[in-house]
Amino acid sequence: MSILSMVLTTLVALEFFYIMYLETIATTSTATSRVFNLPQDELKKKSFKVLMKNQGIYNGLIGLGLLYSVYLSTASLELVRVFLVYIIIVAIYGSMTSDKKIIVTQGGLAIIALVSTVF
């Protein structure tokens, strides 16, 4: 895998760690409200916070999986591509069901990283 692909994939992992931070630690913050375009009143509901924290763990594990794929796996390129395709599919689904911007905000860097693995 090229250094460019490694750097881009690491940036995607960091993006997912940031999403995890917003969803699990800063659940009711103004940043979380702005990023997810949700009113803070909604974010403060107990049931919603539980859902956000659960989703945050998944996003953190995606970030961890990407880092493992890049730096520790013997099948690095294959695993990176699997994770990036997964992220892109989820971003497509999110853009169809939630907010059209998700394909760019969540999937954009992953798309660039995936394309970089071809060269």
C-alpha atoms as a PDB file:
ATOM      1  CA  MET A   1       0.000   0.000   0.000  1.00  0.00           C
ATOM      2  CA  SER A   2       1.320   3.447  -0.875  1.00  0.00           C
ATOM      3  CA  ILE A   3       2.214   6.032   1.726  1.00  0.00           C
ATOM      4  CA  LEU A   4      -0.545   8.275   0.332  1.00  0.00           C
ATOM      5  CA  SER A   5      -3.128   5.526   0.901  1.00  0.00           C
ATOM      6  CA  MET A   6      -1.810   4.963   4.414  1.00  0.00           C
ATOM      7  CA  VAL A   7      -2.054   8.674   5.242  1.00  0.00           C
ATOM      8  CA  LEU A   8      -5.555   9.036   3.763  1.00  0.00           C
ATOM      9  CA  THR A   9      -6.802   5.911   5.533  1.00  0.00           C
ATOM     10  CA  THR A  10      -5.333   7.152   8.809  1.00  0.00           C
ATOM     11  CA  LEU A  11      -7.207  10.434   8.306  1.00  0.00           C
ATOM     12  CA  VAL A  12     -10.442   8.499   7.751  1.00  0.00           C
ATOM     13  CA  ALA A  13      -9.761   6.618  11.013  1.00  0.00           C
ATOM     14  CA  LEU A  14      -9.210   9.920  12.829  1.00  0.00           C
ATOM     15  CA  GLU A  15     -12.470  11.223  11.376  1.00  0.00           C
ATOM     16  CA  PHE A  16     -14.280   8.219  12.841  1.00  0.00           C
ATOM     17  CA  PHE A  17     -12.593   8.706  16.219  1.00  0.00           C
ATOM     18  CA  TYR A  18     -13.871  12.303  16.141  1.00  0.00           C
ATOM     19  CA  ILE A  19     -17.385  11.064  15.352  1.00  0.00           C
ATOM     20  CA  MET A  20     -17.025   8.605  18.250  1.00  0.00           C
ATOM     21  CA  TYR A  21     -15.960  11.470  20.529  1.00  0.00           C
ATOM     22  CA  LEU A  22     -18.999  13.537  19.522  1.00  0.00           C
ATOM     23  CA  GLU A  23     -21.383  10.616  20.019  1.00  0.00           C
ATOM     24  CA  THR A  24     -19.982   9.142  23.238  1.00  0.00           C
ATOM     25  CA  ILE A  25     -18.287  11.946  25.178  1.00  0.00           C
ATOM     26  CA  ALA A  26     -19.592  15.261  23.844  1.00  0.00           C
ATOM     27  CA  THR A  27     -23.084  13.913  23.219  1.00  0.00           C
ATOM     28  CA  THR A  28     -24.959  17.073  24.224  1.00  0.00           C
ATOM     29  CA  SER A  29     -22.409  19.655  23.059  1.00  0.00           C
ATOM     30  CA  THR A  30     -23.035  22.460  20.604  1.00  0.00           C
ATOM     31  CA  ALA A  31     -20.474  20.837  18.271  1.00  0.00           C
ATOM     32  CA  THR A  32     -22.495  17.603  18.225  1.00  0.00           C
ATOM     33  CA  SER A  33     -25.666  19.595  17.633  1.00  0.00           C
ATOM     34  CA  ARG A  34     -24.045  21.423  14.722  1.00  0.00           C
ATOM     35  CA  VAL A  35     -22.352  18.389  13.137  1.00  0.00           C
ATOM     36  CA  PHE A  36     -25.456  16.192  13.244  1.00  0.00           C
ATOM     37  CA  ASN A  37     -27.881  19.068  12.681  1.00  0.00           C
ATOM     38  CA  LEU A  38     -29.910  18.132  15.747  1.00  0.00           C
ATOM     39  CA  PRO A  39     -31.337  20.444  18.417  1.00  0.00           C
ATOM     40  CA  GLN A  40     -29.573  20.218  21.763  1.00  0.00           C
ATOM     41  CA  ASP A  41     -32.904  19.499  23.470  1.00  0.00           C
ATOM     42  CA  GLU A  42     -33.120  16.289  21.433  1.00  0.00           C
ATOM     43  CA  LEU A  43     -29.531  15.355  22.293  1.00  0.00           C
ATOM     44  CA  LYS A  44     -30.278  15.683  26.018  1.00  0.00           C
ATOM     45  CA  LYS A  45     -33.011  13.037  26.013  1.00  0.00           C
ATOM     46  CA  LYS A  46     -31.814   9.966  27.863  1.00  0.00           C
ATOM     47  CA  SER A  47     -32.977   7.464  25.237  1.00  0.00           C
ATOM     48  CA  PHE A  48     -31.315   9.485  22.475  1.00  0.00           C
ATOM     49  CA  LYS A  49     -28.047   9.743  24.412  1.00  0.00           C
ATOM     50  CA  VAL A  50     -27.985   5.960  24.831  1.00  0.00           C
ATOM     51  CA  LEU A  51     -28.459   5.487  21.081  1.00  0.00           C
ATOM     52  CA  MET A  52     -25.749   8.042  20.277  1.00  0.00           C
ATOM     53  CA  LYS A  53     -23.262   6.430  22.652  1.00  0.00           C
ATOM     54  CA  ASN A  54     -23.944   3.000  21.166  1.00  0.00           C
ATOM     55  CA  GLN A  55     -23.442   4.337  17.650  1.00  0.00           C
ATOM     56  CA  GLY A  56     -20.278   6.069  18.800  1.00  0.00           C
ATOM     57  CA  ILE A  57     -18.741   2.770  19.863  1.00  0.00           C
ATOM     58  CA  TYR A  58     -19.371   1.354  16.381  1.00  0.00           C
ATOM     59  CA  ASN A  59     -17.704   4.368  14.787  1.00  0.00           C
ATOM     60  CA  GLY A  60     -14.723   4.075  17.115  1.00  0.00           C
ATOM     61  CA  LEU A  61     -14.352   0.416  16.205  1.00  0.00           C
ATOM     62  CA  ILE A  62     -14.362   1.322  12.512  1.00  0.00           C
ATOM     63  CA  GLY A  63     -11.523   3.747  13.208  1.00  0.00           C
ATOM     64  CA  LEU A  64      -9.666   1.094  15.176  1.00  0.00           C
ATOM     65  CA  GLY A  65     -10.214  -1.441  12.387  1.00  0.00           C
ATOM     66  CA  LEU A  66      -8.783   0.974   9.837  1.00  0.00           C
ATOM     67  CA  LEU A  67      -5.673   1.576  11.941  1.00  0.00           C
ATOM     68  CA  TYR A  68      -5.237  -2.157  12.490  1.00  0.00           C
ATOM     69  CA  SER A  69      -5.627  -2.726   8.750  1.00  0.00           C
ATOM     70  CA  VAL A  70      -3.010  -0.142   7.821  1.00  0.00           C
ATOM     71  CA  TYR A  71      -0.356  -0.773  10.465  1.00  0.00           C
ATOM     72  CA  LEU A  72      -0.693  -4.345  11.760  1.00  0.00           C
ATOM     73  CA  SER A  73      -2.506  -6.590   9.295  1.00  0.00           C
ATOM     74  CA  THR A  74      -0.732  -8.885   6.863  1.00  0.00           C
ATOM     75  CA  ALA A  75      -3.664  -8.347   4.444  1.00  0.00           C
ATOM     76  CA  SER A  76      -3.484  -4.579   4.786  1.00  0.00           C
ATOM     77  CA  LEU A  77      -4.753  -3.497   1.377  1.00  0.00           C
ATOM     78  CA  GLU A  78      -7.619  -5.981   1.342  1.00  0.00           C
ATOM     79  CA  LEU A  79      -8.865  -5.019   4.822  1.00  0.00           C
ATOM     80  CA  VAL A  80      -8.518  -1.293   4.182  1.00  0.00           C
ATOM     81  CA  ARG A  81     -10.620  -1.631   1.054  1.00  0.00           C
ATOM     82  CA  VAL A  82     -13.289  -3.621   2.923  1.00  0.00           C
ATOM     83  CA  PHE A  83     -13.560  -0.960   5.643  1.00  0.00           C
ATOM     84  CA  LEU A  84     -13.572   1.918   3.141  1.00  0.00           C
ATOM     85  CA  VAL A  85     -16.257   0.287   0.986  1.00  0.00           C
ATOM     86  CA  TYR A  86     -18.325  -0.276   4.146  1.00  0.00           C
ATOM     87  CA  ILE A  87     -17.961   3.399   5.104  1.00  0.00           C
ATOM     88  CA  ILE A  88     -18.943   4.523   1.597  1.00  0.00           C
ATOM     89  CA  ILE A  89     -22.022   2.261   1.542  1.00  0.00           C
ATOM     90  CA  VAL A  90     -23.131   3.598   4.928  1.00  0.00           C
ATOM     91  CA  ALA A  91     -22.556   7.177   3.702  1.00  0.00           C
ATOM     92  CA  ILE A  92     -24.656   6.490   0.597  1.00  0.00           C
ATOM     93  CA  TYR A  93     -27.432   5.072   2.760  1.00  0.00           C
ATOM     94  CA  GLY A  94     -27.206   8.056   5.120  1.00  0.00           C
ATOM     95  CA  SER A  95     -27.384  10.488   2.226  1.00  0.00           C
ATOM     96  CA  MET A  96     -30.508   8.765   0.928  1.00  0.00           C
ATOM     97  CA  THR A  97     -32.294   8.521   4.292  1.00  0.00           C
ATOM     98  CA  SER A  98     -31.035  11.427   6.355  1.00  0.00           C
ATOM     99  CA  ASP A  99     -29.012  14.249   4.822  1.00  0.00           C
ATOM    100  CA  LYS A 100     -27.610  14.442   1.293  1.00  0.00           C
ATOM    101  CA  LYS A 101     -24.379  16.005   2.641  1.00  0.00           C
ATOM    102  CA  ILE A 102     -23.406  12.752   4.370  1.00  0.00           C
ATOM    103  CA  ILE A 103     -22.011  11.292   1.154  1.00  0.00           C
ATOM    104  CA  VAL A 104     -19.447  14.110   1.153  1.00  0.00           C
ATOM    105  CA  THR A 105     -18.922  14.705   4.873  1.00  0.00           C
ATOM    106  CA  GLN A 106     -18.679  11.075   5.949  1.00  0.00           C
ATOM    107  CA  GLY A 107     -17.892   9.355   2.661  1.00  0.00           C
ATOM    108  CA  GLY A 108     -15.797  11.909   0.783  1.00  0.00           C
ATOM    109  CA  LEU A 109     -12.429  11.200   2.364  1.00  0.00           C
ATOM    110  CA  ALA A 110     -13.140   7.464   2.333  1.00  0.00           C
ATOM    111  CA  ILE A 111     -13.842   7.631  -1.418  1.00  0.00           C
ATOM    112  CA  ILE A 112     -10.557   9.456  -2.022  1.00  0.00           C
ATOM    113  CA  ALA A 113      -8.698   6.948   0.179  1.00  0.00           C
ATOM    114  CA  LEU A 114     -10.270   4.008  -1.668  1.00  0.00           C
ATOM    115  CA  VAL A 115      -9.344   5.461  -5.066  1.00  0.00           C
ATOM    116  CA  SER A 116      -5.777   5.983  -3.816  1.00  0.00           C
ATOM    117  CA  THR A 117      -5.454   2.248  -3.115  1.00  0.00           C
ATOM    118  CA  VAL A 118      -5.804   1.524  -6.831  1.00  0.00           C
ATOM    119  CA  PHE A 119      -2.635   3.439  -7.746  1.00  0.00           C
END
